[in-house]
Amino acid sequence: MRFGFREGLKVAIAPVLTDAPIIAVSVLLGRQLARFEPALGILTLLGAAFLVYLATDSFRAGGADVDDETVHPRSIRKGFMANLLNHHPYLFWLVIGAPTLLKAWTASVLAAVLFVIGFYLCLVGSKVLIAWLVARWRGLALSACVWTV
């Protein structure tokens, strides 16, 4: 978010890029993957380590001025990695998403497609809204920080 709304949009679409293989594995393997608790634990640790890396990178960012052309935000890559290493998409698709998708598929292909479209409209849409709100009110938040210091 420190690079503005456009970079926030790139992060917001990360689930669209990373969830396809997660959905495929979840649908194919279903509940069998839930038995591999060590794999989930390792994924959780990798995700936590990556989030710590992102947090320390944010703390080292310095000021809010990011006009330096030598800084490359790499928002899509960071969003992709954060989502790929996050255990929540795996848990959601294994426990809720894949069974719901399969049930919708048995009702009709259209129901399955509408479930996926509706899910991503809500997920990505809420992230886009957050990116927009942060970009819109960023100046207010920064000036409030200056006044409190």
N, C-alpha and C. Protein backbone atom coordinates (compact mmCIF):
# COMPACT_ATOMS: atom_id res chain seq x y z
N MET A 1 0.80 -1.18 0.00
CA MET A 1 0.00 0.00 0.00
C MET A 1 0.86 1.26 0.00
N ARG A 2 2.10 1.13 0.41
CA ARG A 2 2.93 2.33 0.45
C ARG A 2 3.24 2.87 -0.94
N PHE A 3 2.97 2.10 -1.98
CA PHE A 3 3.22 2.55 -3.35
C PHE A 3 1.95 3.04 -4.04
N GLY A 4 0.85 3.12 -3.33
CA GLY A 4 -0.37 3.69 -3.88
C GLY A 4 -1.40 2.68 -4.33
N PHE A 5 -2.50 3.21 -4.83
CA PHE A 5 -3.66 2.41 -5.19
C PHE A 5 -3.36 1.40 -6.30
N ARG A 6 -2.63 1.81 -7.31
CA ARG A 6 -2.35 0.90 -8.43
C ARG A 6 -1.61 -0.35 -7.97
N GLU A 7 -0.63 -0.18 -7.08
CA GLU A 7 0.09 -1.34 -6.56
C GLU A 7 -0.80 -2.15 -5.62
N GLY A 8 -1.70 -1.46 -4.91
CA GLY A 8 -2.67 -2.17 -4.07
C GLY A 8 -3.59 -3.06 -4.89
N LEU A 9 -3.95 -2.59 -6.08
CA LEU A 9 -4.76 -3.42 -6.98
C LEU A 9 -4.03 -4.69 -7.39
N LYS A 10 -2.74 -4.55 -7.62
CA LYS A 10 -1.95 -5.72 -8.02
C LYS A 10 -1.94 -6.76 -6.91
N VAL A 11 -1.83 -6.31 -5.67
CA VAL A 11 -1.85 -7.24 -4.54
C VAL A 11 -3.25 -7.85 -4.40
N ALA A 12 -4.28 -7.06 -4.65
CA ALA A 12 -5.66 -7.53 -4.50
C ALA A 12 -5.98 -8.69 -5.43
N ILE A 13 -5.35 -8.73 -6.61
CA ILE A 13 -5.66 -9.81 -7.56
C ILE A 13 -4.84 -11.07 -7.31
N ALA A 14 -3.96 -11.06 -6.33
CA ALA A 14 -3.12 -12.23 -6.06
C ALA A 14 -3.92 -13.52 -5.89
N PRO A 15 -5.05 -13.52 -5.18
CA PRO A 15 -5.79 -14.79 -5.06
C PRO A 15 -6.25 -15.35 -6.40
N VAL A 16 -6.55 -14.50 -7.34
CA VAL A 16 -6.97 -14.98 -8.66
C VAL A 16 -5.82 -15.74 -9.32
N LEU A 17 -4.60 -15.29 -9.07
CA LEU A 17 -3.43 -15.93 -9.68
C LEU A 17 -3.01 -17.20 -8.95
N THR A 18 -3.15 -17.21 -7.63
CA THR A 18 -2.61 -18.33 -6.85
C THR A 18 -3.62 -19.41 -6.52
N ASP A 19 -4.89 -19.11 -6.54
CA ASP A 19 -5.87 -20.08 -6.06
C ASP A 19 -6.19 -21.20 -7.04
N ALA A 20 -5.95 -21.01 -8.32
CA ALA A 20 -6.31 -22.05 -9.30
C ALA A 20 -5.65 -23.40 -8.97
N PRO A 21 -4.33 -23.44 -8.72
CA PRO A 21 -3.76 -24.74 -8.36
C PRO A 21 -4.25 -25.25 -7.01
N ILE A 22 -4.51 -24.33 -6.09
CA ILE A 22 -5.03 -24.74 -4.78
C ILE A 22 -6.41 -25.36 -4.94
N ILE A 23 -7.25 -24.76 -5.76
CA ILE A 23 -8.59 -25.29 -6.01
C ILE A 23 -8.50 -26.65 -6.68
N ALA A 24 -7.63 -26.78 -7.67
CA ALA A 24 -7.49 -28.05 -8.38
C ALA A 24 -7.07 -29.16 -7.44
N VAL A 25 -6.07 -28.89 -6.60
CA VAL A 25 -5.61 -29.90 -5.65
C VAL A 25 -6.71 -30.23 -4.65
N SER A 26 -7.40 -29.20 -4.19
CA SER A 26 -8.46 -29.42 -3.20
C SER A 26 -9.59 -30.25 -3.77
N VAL A 27 -9.96 -29.98 -4.99
CA VAL A 27 -11.05 -30.73 -5.61
C VAL A 27 -10.61 -32.16 -5.88
N LEU A 28 -9.39 -32.35 -6.35
CA LEU A 28 -8.92 -33.70 -6.68
C LEU A 28 -8.65 -34.56 -5.45
N LEU A 29 -8.06 -33.96 -4.45
CA LEU A 29 -7.65 -34.75 -3.29
C LEU A 29 -8.59 -34.63 -2.10
N GLY A 30 -9.36 -33.57 -2.07
CA GLY A 30 -10.37 -33.41 -1.03
C GLY A 30 -9.86 -33.59 0.38
N ARG A 31 -10.53 -34.40 1.11
CA ARG A 31 -10.23 -34.58 2.54
C ARG A 31 -8.93 -35.31 2.81
N GLN A 32 -8.39 -36.01 1.86
CA GLN A 32 -7.15 -36.75 2.08
C GLN A 32 -6.01 -35.81 2.47
N LEU A 33 -5.98 -34.60 1.90
CA LEU A 33 -4.92 -33.64 2.22
C LEU A 33 -5.03 -33.11 3.65
N ALA A 34 -6.23 -33.11 4.20
CA ALA A 34 -6.41 -32.60 5.56
C ALA A 34 -5.68 -33.46 6.58
N ARG A 35 -5.35 -34.69 6.23
CA ARG A 35 -4.64 -35.59 7.15
C ARG A 35 -3.16 -35.25 7.30
N PHE A 36 -2.62 -34.47 6.38
CA PHE A 36 -1.20 -34.14 6.40
C PHE A 36 -0.95 -32.89 7.23
N GLU A 37 -1.12 -33.01 8.53
CA GLU A 37 -0.94 -31.87 9.42
C GLU A 37 0.48 -31.30 9.38
N PRO A 38 1.54 -32.12 9.27
CA PRO A 38 2.89 -31.54 9.18
C PRO A 38 3.06 -30.62 7.98
N ALA A 39 2.47 -30.97 6.85
CA ALA A 39 2.57 -30.11 5.66
C ALA A 39 1.90 -28.77 5.92
N LEU A 40 0.75 -28.79 6.59
CA LEU A 40 0.06 -27.56 6.92
C LEU A 40 0.89 -26.73 7.89
N GLY A 41 1.53 -27.39 8.85
CA GLY A 41 2.40 -26.69 9.79
C GLY A 41 3.59 -26.04 9.11
N ILE A 42 4.21 -26.76 8.19
CA ILE A 42 5.35 -26.21 7.45
C ILE A 42 4.91 -25.03 6.60
N LEU A 43 3.78 -25.17 5.92
CA LEU A 43 3.25 -24.07 5.12
C LEU A 43 2.96 -22.85 5.99
N THR A 44 2.40 -23.07 7.17
CA THR A 44 2.12 -21.98 8.09
C THR A 44 3.39 -21.27 8.51
N LEU A 45 4.45 -22.02 8.81
CA LEU A 45 5.72 -21.42 9.21
C LEU A 45 6.35 -20.64 8.06
N LEU A 46 6.29 -21.18 6.84
CA LEU A 46 6.82 -20.46 5.69
C LEU A 46 6.04 -19.16 5.46
N GLY A 47 4.74 -19.25 5.57
CA GLY A 47 3.91 -18.06 5.42
C GLY A 47 4.20 -17.02 6.48
N ALA A 48 4.36 -17.45 7.72
CA ALA A 48 4.67 -16.53 8.81
C ALA A 48 6.04 -15.88 8.58
N ALA A 49 7.02 -16.65 8.14
CA ALA A 49 8.35 -16.09 7.88
C ALA A 49 8.29 -15.05 6.76
N PHE A 50 7.50 -15.33 5.72
CA PHE A 50 7.39 -14.37 4.63
C PHE A 50 6.70 -13.10 5.09
N LEU A 51 5.68 -13.23 5.93
CA LEU A 51 5.00 -12.04 6.46
C LEU A 51 5.92 -11.22 7.36
N VAL A 52 6.78 -11.88 8.13
CA VAL A 52 7.77 -11.16 8.95
C VAL A 52 8.73 -10.41 8.04
N TYR A 53 9.15 -11.05 6.95
CA TYR A 53 10.02 -10.38 5.97
C TYR A 53 9.33 -9.14 5.42
N LEU A 54 8.06 -9.26 5.02
CA LEU A 54 7.33 -8.11 4.49
C LEU A 54 7.19 -7.00 5.54
N ALA A 55 6.95 -7.38 6.78
CA ALA A 55 6.81 -6.40 7.86
C ALA A 55 8.12 -5.66 8.10
N THR A 56 9.22 -6.39 8.15
CA THR A 56 10.50 -5.72 8.38
C THR A 56 10.86 -4.84 7.19
N ASP A 57 10.50 -5.27 5.99
CA ASP A 57 10.72 -4.45 4.81
C ASP A 57 9.92 -3.15 4.90
N SER A 58 8.70 -3.23 5.42
CA SER A 58 7.87 -2.03 5.58
C SER A 58 8.46 -1.10 6.64
N PHE A 59 8.97 -1.65 7.73
CA PHE A 59 9.55 -0.81 8.78
C PHE A 59 10.81 -0.09 8.30
N ARG A 60 11.53 -0.71 7.40
CA ARG A 60 12.75 -0.10 6.87
C ARG A 60 12.47 0.88 5.74
N ALA A 61 11.21 1.05 5.40
CA ALA A 61 10.85 1.88 4.25
C ALA A 61 11.21 3.34 4.44
N GLY A 62 11.35 3.78 5.64
CA GLY A 62 11.65 5.19 5.88
C GLY A 62 10.40 6.02 5.84
N GLY A 63 10.44 7.12 5.12
CA GLY A 63 9.29 8.01 5.03
C GLY A 63 8.25 7.50 4.07
N ALA A 64 7.17 8.26 3.95
CA ALA A 64 6.08 7.88 3.07
C ALA A 64 6.34 8.29 1.63
N ASP A 65 7.41 9.00 1.38
CA ASP A 65 7.72 9.46 0.03
C ASP A 65 8.38 8.32 -0.74
N VAL A 66 7.68 7.83 -1.76
CA VAL A 66 8.20 6.71 -2.55
C VAL A 66 8.36 7.11 -4.01
N ASP A 67 8.68 8.36 -4.23
CA ASP A 67 8.85 8.83 -5.60
C ASP A 67 10.17 8.40 -6.21
N ASP A 68 11.02 7.79 -5.45
CA ASP A 68 12.31 7.35 -5.94
C ASP A 68 12.10 6.30 -7.03
N GLU A 69 12.59 6.57 -8.21
CA GLU A 69 12.38 5.66 -9.33
C GLU A 69 13.22 4.40 -9.22
N THR A 70 14.15 4.35 -8.29
CA THR A 70 14.96 3.15 -8.14
C THR A 70 14.24 2.10 -7.30
N VAL A 71 13.16 2.47 -6.62
CA VAL A 71 12.41 1.52 -5.80
C VAL A 71 11.43 0.77 -6.70
N HIS A 72 11.51 -0.54 -6.65
CA HIS A 72 10.61 -1.39 -7.43
C HIS A 72 9.67 -2.09 -6.45
N PRO A 73 8.38 -1.77 -6.49
CA PRO A 73 7.46 -2.32 -5.50
C PRO A 73 7.29 -3.84 -5.57
N ARG A 74 7.32 -4.41 -6.76
CA ARG A 74 7.15 -5.86 -6.94
C ARG A 74 5.87 -6.36 -6.25
N SER A 75 4.81 -5.60 -6.38
CA SER A 75 3.56 -5.88 -5.67
C SER A 75 2.94 -7.20 -6.07
N ILE A 76 2.93 -7.50 -7.35
CA ILE A 76 2.32 -8.77 -7.79
C ILE A 76 3.10 -9.94 -7.19
N ARG A 77 4.41 -9.87 -7.24
CA ARG A 77 5.23 -10.96 -6.70
C ARG A 77 5.02 -11.11 -5.20
N LYS A 78 5.02 -9.99 -4.48
CA LYS A 78 4.82 -10.06 -3.03
C LYS A 78 3.43 -10.57 -2.69
N GLY A 79 2.41 -10.09 -3.39
CA GLY A 79 1.06 -10.57 -3.15
C GLY A 79 0.91 -12.04 -3.49
N PHE A 80 1.53 -12.46 -4.59
CA PHE A 80 1.51 -13.85 -5.01
C PHE A 80 2.14 -14.75 -3.95
N MET A 81 3.33 -14.36 -3.49
CA MET A 81 4.03 -15.18 -2.49
C MET A 81 3.28 -15.20 -1.16
N ALA A 82 2.77 -14.04 -0.73
CA ALA A 82 2.04 -13.99 0.53
C ALA A 82 0.80 -14.89 0.47
N ASN A 83 0.09 -14.87 -0.64
CA ASN A 83 -1.10 -15.71 -0.76
C ASN A 83 -0.74 -17.18 -0.92
N LEU A 84 0.30 -17.47 -1.66
CA LEU A 84 0.71 -18.86 -1.88
C LEU A 84 1.19 -19.51 -0.58
N LEU A 85 1.86 -18.73 0.27
CA LEU A 85 2.39 -19.27 1.52
C LEU A 85 1.41 -19.15 2.69
N ASN A 86 0.27 -18.55 2.44
CA ASN A 86 -0.74 -18.39 3.47
C ASN A 86 -1.57 -19.68 3.55
N HIS A 87 -1.76 -20.18 4.73
CA HIS A 87 -2.50 -21.44 4.86
C HIS A 87 -4.02 -21.26 4.74
N HIS A 88 -4.52 -20.05 4.85
CA HIS A 88 -5.97 -19.84 4.80
C HIS A 88 -6.62 -20.25 3.48
N PRO A 89 -6.02 -19.92 2.32
CA PRO A 89 -6.66 -20.40 1.08
C PRO A 89 -6.74 -21.93 1.02
N TYR A 90 -5.70 -22.60 1.51
CA TYR A 90 -5.70 -24.05 1.50
C TYR A 90 -6.81 -24.59 2.40
N LEU A 91 -6.88 -24.03 3.60
CA LEU A 91 -7.93 -24.47 4.53
C LEU A 91 -9.32 -24.20 3.97
N PHE A 92 -9.51 -22.98 3.43
CA PHE A 92 -10.82 -22.66 2.88
C PHE A 92 -11.20 -23.61 1.77
N TRP A 93 -10.31 -23.80 0.80
CA TRP A 93 -10.67 -24.62 -0.35
C TRP A 93 -10.80 -26.10 0.01
N LEU A 94 -10.01 -26.56 0.96
CA LEU A 94 -10.13 -27.97 1.37
C LEU A 94 -11.41 -28.23 2.16
N VAL A 95 -11.74 -27.32 3.07
CA VAL A 95 -12.84 -27.58 4.00
C VAL A 95 -14.18 -27.05 3.50
N ILE A 96 -14.19 -25.88 2.87
CA ILE A 96 -15.45 -25.24 2.49
C ILE A 96 -15.58 -25.10 0.97
N GLY A 97 -14.58 -24.50 0.35
CA GLY A 97 -14.69 -24.15 -1.06
C GLY A 97 -14.87 -25.33 -1.99
N ALA A 98 -13.99 -26.33 -1.90
CA ALA A 98 -14.07 -27.48 -2.81
C ALA A 98 -15.38 -28.27 -2.63
N PRO A 99 -15.78 -28.57 -1.38
CA PRO A 99 -17.07 -29.27 -1.24
C PRO A 99 -18.25 -28.45 -1.79
N THR A 100 -18.24 -27.14 -1.57
CA THR A 100 -19.31 -26.28 -2.09
C THR A 100 -19.27 -26.25 -3.61
N LEU A 101 -18.07 -26.15 -4.16
CA LEU A 101 -17.92 -26.13 -5.61
C LEU A 101 -18.40 -27.44 -6.23
N LEU A 102 -18.04 -28.56 -5.63
CA LEU A 102 -18.48 -29.86 -6.15
C LEU A 102 -19.99 -30.02 -6.05
N LYS A 103 -20.57 -29.54 -4.95
CA LYS A 103 -22.02 -29.61 -4.79
C LYS A 103 -22.71 -28.73 -5.83
N ALA A 104 -22.15 -27.54 -6.05
CA ALA A 104 -22.70 -26.65 -7.07
C ALA A 104 -22.58 -27.28 -8.45
N TRP A 105 -21.45 -27.93 -8.70
CA TRP A 105 -21.21 -28.57 -10.01
C TRP A 105 -22.25 -29.65 -10.27
N THR A 106 -22.60 -30.41 -9.22
CA THR A 106 -23.61 -31.46 -9.42
C THR A 106 -24.99 -30.86 -9.70
N ALA A 107 -25.24 -29.67 -9.19
CA ALA A 107 -26.51 -28.99 -9.49
C ALA A 107 -26.50 -28.51 -10.94
N SER A 108 -25.45 -27.79 -11.31
CA SER A 108 -25.27 -27.34 -12.69
C SER A 108 -23.91 -26.68 -12.83
N VAL A 109 -23.41 -26.69 -14.03
CA VAL A 109 -22.13 -26.03 -14.30
C VAL A 109 -22.25 -24.54 -14.04
N LEU A 110 -23.39 -23.97 -14.38
CA LEU A 110 -23.61 -22.54 -14.15
C LEU A 110 -23.54 -22.22 -12.66
N ALA A 111 -24.08 -23.06 -11.82
CA ALA A 111 -24.02 -22.82 -10.37
C ALA A 111 -22.57 -22.81 -9.89
N ALA A 112 -21.76 -23.73 -10.39
CA ALA A 112 -20.35 -23.77 -10.00
C ALA A 112 -19.61 -22.52 -10.46
N VAL A 113 -19.86 -22.12 -11.70
CA VAL A 113 -19.21 -20.92 -12.24
C VAL A 113 -19.65 -19.69 -11.45
N LEU A 114 -20.93 -19.58 -11.15
CA LEU A 114 -21.42 -18.43 -10.39
C LEU A 114 -20.86 -18.41 -8.97
N PHE A 115 -20.67 -19.59 -8.37
CA PHE A 115 -20.06 -19.64 -7.04
C PHE A 115 -18.65 -19.06 -7.08
N VAL A 116 -17.84 -19.49 -8.04
CA VAL A 116 -16.46 -19.02 -8.15
C VAL A 116 -16.43 -17.52 -8.46
N ILE A 117 -17.26 -17.08 -9.39
CA ILE A 117 -17.29 -15.65 -9.74
C ILE A 117 -17.72 -14.82 -8.53
N GLY A 118 -18.77 -15.24 -7.85
CA GLY A 118 -19.25 -14.51 -6.67
C GLY A 118 -18.21 -14.47 -5.57
N PHE A 119 -17.53 -15.59 -5.36
CA PHE A 119 -16.50 -15.65 -4.33
C PHE A 119 -15.38 -14.66 -4.62
N TYR A 120 -14.88 -14.66 -5.85
CA TYR A 120 -13.77 -13.77 -6.18
C TYR A 120 -14.19 -12.30 -6.30
N LEU A 121 -15.44 -12.05 -6.69
CA LEU A 121 -15.92 -10.66 -6.66
C LEU A 121 -15.89 -10.12 -5.24
N CYS A 122 -16.32 -10.92 -4.30
CA CYS A 122 -16.31 -10.49 -2.89
C CYS A 122 -14.89 -10.39 -2.34
N LEU A 123 -14.07 -11.41 -2.59
CA LEU A 123 -12.71 -11.43 -2.04
C LEU A 123 -11.84 -10.32 -2.63
N VAL A 124 -11.76 -10.29 -3.94
CA VAL A 124 -10.93 -9.28 -4.61
C VAL A 124 -11.56 -7.90 -4.46
N GLY A 125 -12.88 -7.84 -4.56
CA GLY A 125 -13.57 -6.56 -4.41
C GLY A 125 -13.33 -5.91 -3.07
N SER A 126 -13.33 -6.70 -1.99
CA SER A 126 -13.08 -6.12 -0.67
C SER A 126 -11.64 -5.63 -0.56
N LYS A 127 -10.71 -6.33 -1.18
CA LYS A 127 -9.31 -5.90 -1.15
C LYS A 127 -9.11 -4.63 -1.98
N VAL A 128 -9.79 -4.55 -3.11
CA VAL A 128 -9.73 -3.33 -3.93
C VAL A 128 -10.32 -2.16 -3.14
N LEU A 129 -11.41 -2.39 -2.45
CA LEU A 129 -12.01 -1.33 -1.64
C LEU A 129 -11.05 -0.85 -0.55
N ILE A 130 -10.38 -1.77 0.10
CA ILE A 130 -9.40 -1.39 1.13
C ILE A 130 -8.26 -0.60 0.50
N ALA A 131 -7.77 -1.04 -0.65
CA ALA A 131 -6.69 -0.31 -1.33
C ALA A 131 -7.14 1.10 -1.69
N TRP A 132 -8.37 1.23 -2.17
CA TRP A 132 -8.90 2.54 -2.54
C TRP A 132 -9.05 3.44 -1.31
N LEU A 133 -9.59 2.88 -0.23
CA LEU A 133 -9.77 3.67 0.99
C LEU A 133 -8.43 4.15 1.54
N VAL A 134 -7.45 3.27 1.55
CA VAL A 134 -6.13 3.65 2.05
C VAL A 134 -5.51 4.72 1.16
N ALA A 135 -5.61 4.55 -0.15
CA ALA A 135 -5.05 5.54 -1.08
C ALA A 135 -5.79 6.87 -0.96
N ARG A 136 -7.09 6.81 -0.80
CA ARG A 136 -7.92 8.02 -0.72
C ARG A 136 -7.64 8.81 0.54
N TRP A 137 -7.49 8.13 1.66
CA TRP A 137 -7.34 8.81 2.95
C TRP A 137 -5.91 8.79 3.46
N ARG A 138 -4.97 8.40 2.64
CA ARG A 138 -3.57 8.32 3.05
C ARG A 138 -3.05 9.66 3.56
N GLY A 139 -3.33 10.73 2.87
CA GLY A 139 -2.88 12.05 3.29
C GLY A 139 -3.41 12.44 4.65
N LEU A 140 -4.67 12.10 4.91
CA LEU A 140 -5.27 12.41 6.20
C LEU A 140 -4.57 11.65 7.32
N ALA A 141 -4.29 10.38 7.08
CA ALA A 141 -3.62 9.56 8.09
C ALA A 141 -2.20 10.06 8.33
N LEU A 142 -1.49 10.44 7.28
CA LEU A 142 -0.13 10.93 7.44
C LEU A 142 -0.10 12.25 8.18
N SER A 143 -1.06 13.15 7.87
CA SER A 143 -1.08 14.42 8.58
C SER A 143 -1.47 14.22 10.03
N ALA A 144 -2.32 13.25 10.31
CA ALA A 144 -2.69 12.96 11.70
C ALA A 144 -1.48 12.44 12.47
N CYS A 145 -0.65 11.65 11.80
CA CYS A 145 0.56 11.13 12.45
C CYS A 145 1.52 12.27 12.76
N VAL A 146 1.64 13.22 11.87
CA VAL A 146 2.53 14.35 12.08
C VAL A 146 2.05 15.18 13.27
N TRP A 147 0.74 15.36 13.38
CA TRP A 147 0.20 16.16 14.48
C TRP A 147 0.36 15.47 15.82
N THR A 148 0.36 14.16 15.88
CA THR A 148 0.49 13.45 17.14
C THR A 148 1.92 13.32 17.59
N VAL A 149 2.88 13.50 16.68
CA VAL A 149 4.29 13.33 17.02
C VAL A 149 4.82 14.54 17.66
